[in-house]
Structure formats: C-alpha cells, structure tokens
Amino acid sequence: MKNLNIATMQMVEIVGAMSRRTRVLLLDEPTSALTERETAKLFAALRQLKQEGITIIYISHKLDEIMAIADRLTVLKDGKVAGALDIADATKEKIVRLMVGRELSALYPEKDGGRQTRC
C-alpha cells in the first residue's frame, strides 16, 4: 500500500469495505487530493455501488461534486442540521443559503453608482 497513490489507496479501501459486505460507505472529502481523472474514476465506482444498493454518505464542500453524484443532501451548520433537499430541487443558491444562513445577496449587495451599498 505504501507505494500506491492516494486515488488507488482509496479504491483499495472501498473494495476492502465492499468485501466485508458493507451496506453504508462513509466518505469524508474523498477528492481533496485527487486529480480530475481520479475523481471521475471514484465517481464511476460510487455510481456502481449505488446501483448495488449501497448507501453512500459523502461529505464535501465542493458543490459541483454534490450536484453530480448526490440524490439528497443535508447541510450541517455549527453541528446542527440547517436543512435538507432532494438534489432535483437543489440549486447552488439554495445550498449556499443553508450553509451561510441567509441569502447570498445580503452578504454581497449589488453596487450602486460605483459605491457598494451596505445592508
């Protein structure tokens, strides 16, 4: 294992979990050290596992990844559930609103005559 790259190590871990007939797979920021190509391979493996009925809990701050592979998402803020959405109903704006607790426009108001207005 010590000679394997990070992506291969992760795949070996997933295969190992599957050999133990795991029904739930928990991944915490699994793509943080992966290339785009490695991420694509991981996502292909996750989609296959999903088809086999494996529950995957995928923790990430990367909204594009969540939108690409999730069926449902739950946002945690300060250790509490801020909200949950089916991915079909989710937009990046809705997710960010749950993450920050308010509309993004309230954080970054539009500029007025070259000066930024404050809320």
N, C-alpha and C. Protein backbone atom coordinates (compact mmCIF):
# COMPACT_ATOMS: atom_id res chain seq x y z
N MET A 1 0.83 -1.20 0.00
CA MET A 1 0.00 0.00 0.00
C MET A 1 0.87 1.26 0.00
N LYS A 2 2.03 1.22 0.64
CA LYS A 2 2.83 2.44 0.77
C LYS A 2 3.30 2.99 -0.57
N ASN A 3 3.32 2.15 -1.62
CA ASN A 3 3.77 2.60 -2.93
C ASN A 3 2.63 3.06 -3.83
N LEU A 4 1.40 2.99 -3.35
CA LEU A 4 0.24 3.38 -4.16
C LEU A 4 -0.03 4.87 -4.04
N ASN A 5 -0.61 5.46 -5.10
CA ASN A 5 -1.01 6.86 -5.00
C ASN A 5 -2.32 6.94 -4.20
N ILE A 6 -2.70 8.15 -3.83
CA ILE A 6 -3.86 8.36 -2.96
C ILE A 6 -5.13 7.77 -3.58
N ALA A 7 -5.35 7.99 -4.85
CA ALA A 7 -6.56 7.50 -5.50
C ALA A 7 -6.64 5.98 -5.44
N THR A 8 -5.54 5.33 -5.72
CA THR A 8 -5.52 3.87 -5.69
C THR A 8 -5.73 3.37 -4.27
N MET A 9 -5.13 4.04 -3.29
CA MET A 9 -5.35 3.65 -1.89
C MET A 9 -6.82 3.74 -1.53
N GLN A 10 -7.48 4.83 -1.97
CA GLN A 10 -8.90 4.99 -1.66
C GLN A 10 -9.72 3.88 -2.30
N MET A 11 -9.39 3.53 -3.55
CA MET A 11 -10.13 2.47 -4.23
C MET A 11 -9.92 1.13 -3.53
N VAL A 12 -8.70 0.86 -3.06
CA VAL A 12 -8.43 -0.37 -2.32
C VAL A 12 -9.25 -0.39 -1.04
N GLU A 13 -9.35 0.74 -0.35
CA GLU A 13 -10.16 0.82 0.87
C GLU A 13 -11.63 0.55 0.57
N ILE A 14 -12.14 1.11 -0.52
CA ILE A 14 -13.54 0.90 -0.88
C ILE A 14 -13.79 -0.57 -1.21
N VAL A 15 -12.89 -1.16 -2.00
CA VAL A 15 -13.03 -2.58 -2.33
C VAL A 15 -12.96 -3.42 -1.06
N GLY A 16 -12.07 -3.07 -0.15
CA GLY A 16 -11.98 -3.79 1.12
C GLY A 16 -13.28 -3.71 1.91
N ALA A 17 -13.86 -2.53 1.94
CA ALA A 17 -15.14 -2.36 2.65
C ALA A 17 -16.23 -3.20 1.98
N MET A 18 -16.22 -3.24 0.66
CA MET A 18 -17.23 -4.00 -0.06
C MET A 18 -17.05 -5.50 0.16
N SER A 19 -15.83 -5.96 0.32
CA SER A 19 -15.60 -7.38 0.56
C SER A 19 -16.16 -7.81 1.91
N ARG A 20 -16.36 -6.85 2.79
CA ARG A 20 -16.96 -7.14 4.10
C ARG A 20 -18.47 -6.93 4.08
N ARG A 21 -19.02 -6.81 2.87
CA ARG A 21 -20.46 -6.64 2.66
C ARG A 21 -21.01 -5.40 3.37
N THR A 22 -20.25 -4.35 3.28
CA THR A 22 -20.67 -3.08 3.85
C THR A 22 -21.94 -2.61 3.17
N ARG A 23 -22.88 -2.10 3.93
CA ARG A 23 -24.13 -1.57 3.38
C ARG A 23 -24.13 -0.05 3.37
N VAL A 24 -23.23 0.54 4.18
CA VAL A 24 -23.12 2.00 4.26
C VAL A 24 -21.64 2.35 4.13
N LEU A 25 -21.35 3.28 3.23
CA LEU A 25 -19.98 3.73 3.00
C LEU A 25 -19.92 5.21 3.32
N LEU A 26 -19.04 5.59 4.22
CA LEU A 26 -18.88 6.99 4.62
C LEU A 26 -17.58 7.52 4.05
N LEU A 27 -17.68 8.58 3.24
CA LEU A 27 -16.50 9.19 2.62
C LEU A 27 -16.45 10.66 3.03
N ASP A 28 -15.34 11.06 3.63
CA ASP A 28 -15.17 12.43 4.10
C ASP A 28 -14.14 13.14 3.21
N GLU A 29 -14.61 14.07 2.40
CA GLU A 29 -13.76 14.84 1.48
C GLU A 29 -12.85 13.91 0.66
N PRO A 30 -13.41 12.90 0.00
CA PRO A 30 -12.57 11.91 -0.67
C PRO A 30 -11.80 12.42 -1.87
N THR A 31 -12.18 13.55 -2.44
CA THR A 31 -11.50 14.03 -3.64
C THR A 31 -10.48 15.13 -3.35
N SER A 32 -10.26 15.43 -2.10
CA SER A 32 -9.40 16.57 -1.75
C SER A 32 -7.99 16.44 -2.31
N ALA A 33 -7.50 15.22 -2.48
CA ALA A 33 -6.14 15.05 -3.00
C ALA A 33 -6.14 14.33 -4.36
N LEU A 34 -7.29 14.32 -5.04
CA LEU A 34 -7.40 13.60 -6.31
C LEU A 34 -7.37 14.56 -7.50
N THR A 35 -6.88 14.04 -8.62
CA THR A 35 -6.95 14.78 -9.87
C THR A 35 -8.36 14.64 -10.44
N GLU A 36 -8.67 15.39 -11.49
CA GLU A 36 -9.98 15.27 -12.13
C GLU A 36 -10.21 13.86 -12.65
N ARG A 37 -9.19 13.27 -13.24
CA ARG A 37 -9.30 11.91 -13.78
C ARG A 37 -9.57 10.90 -12.66
N GLU A 38 -8.84 11.03 -11.56
CA GLU A 38 -9.04 10.13 -10.42
C GLU A 38 -10.43 10.32 -9.81
N THR A 39 -10.88 11.58 -9.76
CA THR A 39 -12.22 11.86 -9.26
C THR A 39 -13.27 11.20 -10.13
N ALA A 40 -13.10 11.26 -11.44
CA ALA A 40 -14.05 10.62 -12.36
C ALA A 40 -14.11 9.12 -12.12
N LYS A 41 -12.97 8.50 -11.88
CA LYS A 41 -12.95 7.05 -11.58
C LYS A 41 -13.66 6.75 -10.27
N LEU A 42 -13.42 7.59 -9.27
CA LEU A 42 -14.09 7.40 -7.98
C LEU A 42 -15.60 7.52 -8.15
N PHE A 43 -16.05 8.53 -8.89
CA PHE A 43 -17.48 8.73 -9.09
C PHE A 43 -18.11 7.56 -9.84
N ALA A 44 -17.39 7.01 -10.80
CA ALA A 44 -17.90 5.83 -11.53
C ALA A 44 -18.08 4.66 -10.56
N ALA A 45 -17.10 4.48 -9.67
CA ALA A 45 -17.21 3.40 -8.68
C ALA A 45 -18.37 3.65 -7.73
N LEU A 46 -18.56 4.90 -7.30
CA LEU A 46 -19.65 5.23 -6.39
C LEU A 46 -21.02 5.01 -7.05
N ARG A 47 -21.13 5.36 -8.33
CA ARG A 47 -22.39 5.14 -9.05
C ARG A 47 -22.71 3.64 -9.13
N GLN A 48 -21.68 2.83 -9.35
CA GLN A 48 -21.88 1.38 -9.40
C GLN A 48 -22.34 0.86 -8.04
N LEU A 49 -21.70 1.33 -6.98
CA LEU A 49 -22.09 0.91 -5.64
C LEU A 49 -23.53 1.31 -5.34
N LYS A 50 -23.90 2.50 -5.76
CA LYS A 50 -25.28 2.98 -5.55
C LYS A 50 -26.26 2.05 -6.25
N GLN A 51 -25.93 1.62 -7.48
CA GLN A 51 -26.80 0.71 -8.21
C GLN A 51 -26.92 -0.63 -7.50
N GLU A 52 -25.91 -0.99 -6.73
CA GLU A 52 -25.93 -2.25 -5.98
C GLU A 52 -26.64 -2.10 -4.64
N GLY A 53 -27.17 -0.91 -4.36
CA GLY A 53 -27.94 -0.71 -3.14
C GLY A 53 -27.14 -0.26 -1.95
N ILE A 54 -25.89 0.13 -2.15
CA ILE A 54 -25.05 0.61 -1.05
C ILE A 54 -25.42 2.06 -0.76
N THR A 55 -25.60 2.36 0.50
CA THR A 55 -25.82 3.74 0.93
C THR A 55 -24.47 4.42 1.06
N ILE A 56 -24.35 5.59 0.44
CA ILE A 56 -23.09 6.33 0.48
C ILE A 56 -23.34 7.68 1.13
N ILE A 57 -22.62 7.93 2.20
CA ILE A 57 -22.65 9.24 2.85
C ILE A 57 -21.38 9.94 2.41
N TYR A 58 -21.56 11.02 1.67
CA TYR A 58 -20.46 11.71 1.01
C TYR A 58 -20.35 13.11 1.59
N ILE A 59 -19.27 13.38 2.28
CA ILE A 59 -19.08 14.68 2.92
C ILE A 59 -18.15 15.51 2.05
N SER A 60 -18.62 16.71 1.66
CA SER A 60 -17.80 17.56 0.81
C SER A 60 -18.29 19.00 0.89
N HIS A 61 -17.36 19.92 0.63
CA HIS A 61 -17.70 21.33 0.47
C HIS A 61 -17.78 21.70 -1.00
N LYS A 62 -17.47 20.75 -1.88
CA LYS A 62 -17.45 21.00 -3.32
C LYS A 62 -18.86 20.80 -3.89
N LEU A 63 -19.54 21.91 -4.12
CA LEU A 63 -20.94 21.84 -4.55
C LEU A 63 -21.11 21.14 -5.89
N ASP A 64 -20.17 21.32 -6.81
CA ASP A 64 -20.28 20.66 -8.11
C ASP A 64 -20.29 19.14 -7.94
N GLU A 65 -19.48 18.64 -7.03
CA GLU A 65 -19.46 17.20 -6.78
C GLU A 65 -20.77 16.72 -6.19
N ILE A 66 -21.28 17.47 -5.25
CA ILE A 66 -22.56 17.09 -4.62
C ILE A 66 -23.66 17.05 -5.68
N MET A 67 -23.70 18.08 -6.51
CA MET A 67 -24.74 18.15 -7.54
C MET A 67 -24.59 17.01 -8.55
N ALA A 68 -23.36 16.53 -8.76
CA ALA A 68 -23.11 15.49 -9.75
C ALA A 68 -23.46 14.09 -9.27
N ILE A 69 -23.32 13.83 -7.96
CA ILE A 69 -23.47 12.43 -7.52
C ILE A 69 -24.54 12.18 -6.47
N ALA A 70 -25.05 13.22 -5.85
CA ALA A 70 -25.98 13.01 -4.74
C ALA A 70 -27.43 12.81 -5.21
N ASP A 71 -28.19 12.09 -4.41
CA ASP A 71 -29.64 12.01 -4.58
C ASP A 71 -30.33 13.00 -3.65
N ARG A 72 -29.72 13.19 -2.50
CA ARG A 72 -30.25 14.05 -1.46
C ARG A 72 -29.07 14.65 -0.71
N LEU A 73 -29.24 15.87 -0.21
CA LEU A 73 -28.16 16.48 0.56
C LEU A 73 -28.70 17.05 1.86
N THR A 74 -27.83 17.04 2.83
CA THR A 74 -28.13 17.64 4.13
C THR A 74 -26.98 18.59 4.46
N VAL A 75 -27.33 19.81 4.83
CA VAL A 75 -26.32 20.80 5.19
C VAL A 75 -26.25 20.89 6.70
N LEU A 76 -25.05 20.76 7.23
CA LEU A 76 -24.81 20.94 8.66
C LEU A 76 -24.14 22.29 8.86
N LYS A 77 -24.60 23.03 9.85
CA LYS A 77 -24.03 24.33 10.19
C LYS A 77 -23.90 24.39 11.70
N ASP A 78 -22.69 24.61 12.16
CA ASP A 78 -22.42 24.66 13.60
C ASP A 78 -22.90 23.40 14.31
N GLY A 79 -22.69 22.25 13.64
CA GLY A 79 -23.03 20.96 14.25
C GLY A 79 -24.50 20.61 14.25
N LYS A 80 -25.33 21.42 13.59
CA LYS A 80 -26.77 21.15 13.55
C LYS A 80 -27.24 21.10 12.10
N VAL A 81 -28.33 20.38 11.88
CA VAL A 81 -28.89 20.30 10.54
C VAL A 81 -29.52 21.65 10.18
N ALA A 82 -28.99 22.27 9.12
CA ALA A 82 -29.52 23.54 8.65
C ALA A 82 -30.64 23.33 7.65
N GLY A 83 -30.66 22.16 7.02
CA GLY A 83 -31.70 21.85 6.07
C GLY A 83 -31.30 20.68 5.20
N ALA A 84 -32.29 20.15 4.48
CA ALA A 84 -32.05 19.02 3.58
C ALA A 84 -32.87 19.24 2.32
N LEU A 85 -32.34 18.77 1.21
CA LEU A 85 -33.00 18.94 -0.09
C LEU A 85 -32.81 17.69 -0.93
N ASP A 86 -33.81 17.35 -1.72
CA ASP A 86 -33.58 16.39 -2.79
C ASP A 86 -32.75 17.10 -3.83
N ILE A 87 -31.82 16.38 -4.44
CA ILE A 87 -30.92 17.03 -5.39
C ILE A 87 -31.69 17.61 -6.58
N ALA A 88 -32.82 17.00 -6.92
CA ALA A 88 -33.64 17.51 -8.02
C ALA A 88 -34.18 18.91 -7.72
N ASP A 89 -34.33 19.24 -6.44
CA ASP A 89 -34.85 20.54 -6.03
C ASP A 89 -33.75 21.52 -5.63
N ALA A 90 -32.52 21.05 -5.63
CA ALA A 90 -31.40 21.85 -5.12
C ALA A 90 -30.81 22.73 -6.22
N THR A 91 -30.44 23.92 -5.82
CA THR A 91 -29.62 24.80 -6.66
C THR A 91 -28.44 25.22 -5.80
N LYS A 92 -27.40 25.70 -6.43
CA LYS A 92 -26.26 26.17 -5.65
C LYS A 92 -26.68 27.29 -4.71
N GLU A 93 -27.59 28.14 -5.17
CA GLU A 93 -28.06 29.26 -4.33
C GLU A 93 -28.78 28.75 -3.08
N LYS A 94 -29.63 27.73 -3.24
CA LYS A 94 -30.34 27.17 -2.09
C LYS A 94 -29.36 26.52 -1.11
N ILE A 95 -28.37 25.83 -1.65
CA ILE A 95 -27.39 25.17 -0.79
C ILE A 95 -26.58 26.20 -0.02
N VAL A 96 -26.12 27.23 -0.71
CA VAL A 96 -25.33 28.28 -0.05
C VAL A 96 -26.17 28.98 1.01
N ARG A 97 -27.43 29.21 0.72
CA ARG A 97 -28.32 29.85 1.71
C ARG A 97 -28.37 29.00 2.98
N LEU A 98 -28.47 27.68 2.83
CA LEU A 98 -28.46 26.81 4.01
C LEU A 98 -27.10 26.85 4.72
N MET A 99 -26.04 26.95 3.95
CA MET A 99 -24.69 26.95 4.54
C MET A 99 -24.40 28.22 5.32
N VAL A 100 -24.82 29.38 4.79
CA VAL A 100 -24.48 30.63 5.46
C VAL A 100 -25.61 31.19 6.32
N GLY A 101 -26.80 30.68 6.14
CA GLY A 101 -27.92 31.10 6.99
C GLY A 101 -28.67 32.31 6.49
N ARG A 102 -28.35 32.79 5.28
CA ARG A 102 -29.07 33.92 4.70
C ARG A 102 -28.80 33.96 3.20
N GLU A 103 -29.52 34.83 2.52
CA GLU A 103 -29.34 34.99 1.08
C GLU A 103 -27.94 35.49 0.80
N LEU A 104 -27.34 35.02 -0.26
CA LEU A 104 -26.01 35.46 -0.63
C LEU A 104 -26.00 36.95 -0.97
N SER A 105 -27.10 37.47 -1.49
CA SER A 105 -27.16 38.89 -1.83
C SER A 105 -27.04 39.77 -0.59
N ALA A 106 -27.41 39.24 0.56
CA ALA A 106 -27.27 40.01 1.80
C ALA A 106 -25.79 40.12 2.20
N LEU A 107 -24.99 39.15 1.79
CA LEU A 107 -23.56 39.19 2.10
C LEU A 107 -22.80 40.07 1.12
N TYR A 108 -23.24 40.05 -0.15
CA TYR A 108 -22.57 40.80 -1.20
C TYR A 108 -23.61 41.63 -1.95
N PRO A 109 -24.04 42.75 -1.39
CA PRO A 109 -25.05 43.56 -2.05
C PRO A 109 -24.55 44.13 -3.37
N GLU A 110 -25.49 44.43 -4.27
CA GLU A 110 -25.13 45.00 -5.57
C GLU A 110 -24.54 46.38 -5.39
N LYS A 111 -23.65 46.74 -6.34
CA LYS A 111 -23.03 48.06 -6.30
C LYS A 111 -24.02 49.09 -6.81
N ASP A 112 -23.98 50.28 -6.19
CA ASP A 112 -24.90 51.36 -6.56
C ASP A 112 -24.07 52.59 -6.92
N GLY A 113 -24.02 52.91 -8.22
CA GLY A 113 -23.29 54.11 -8.66
C GLY A 113 -21.83 54.06 -8.34
N GLY A 114 -21.23 52.87 -8.41
CA GLY A 114 -19.81 52.76 -8.17
C GLY A 114 -19.46 52.57 -6.71
N ARG A 115 -20.45 52.75 -5.82
CA ARG A 115 -20.19 52.52 -4.38
C ARG A 115 -21.02 51.33 -3.95
N GLN A 116 -20.44 50.53 -3.10
CA GLN A 116 -21.16 49.37 -2.63
C GLN A 116 -22.08 49.78 -1.49
N THR A 117 -23.33 49.33 -1.59
CA THR A 117 -24.31 49.66 -0.53
C THR A 117 -24.17 48.65 0.59
N ARG A 118 -24.52 49.03 1.76
CA ARG A 118 -24.48 48.16 2.95
C ARG A 118 -25.89 47.86 3.41
N CYS A 119 -26.07 46.68 3.91
CA CYS A 119 -27.38 46.27 4.44
C CYS A 119 -27.47 46.61 5.90
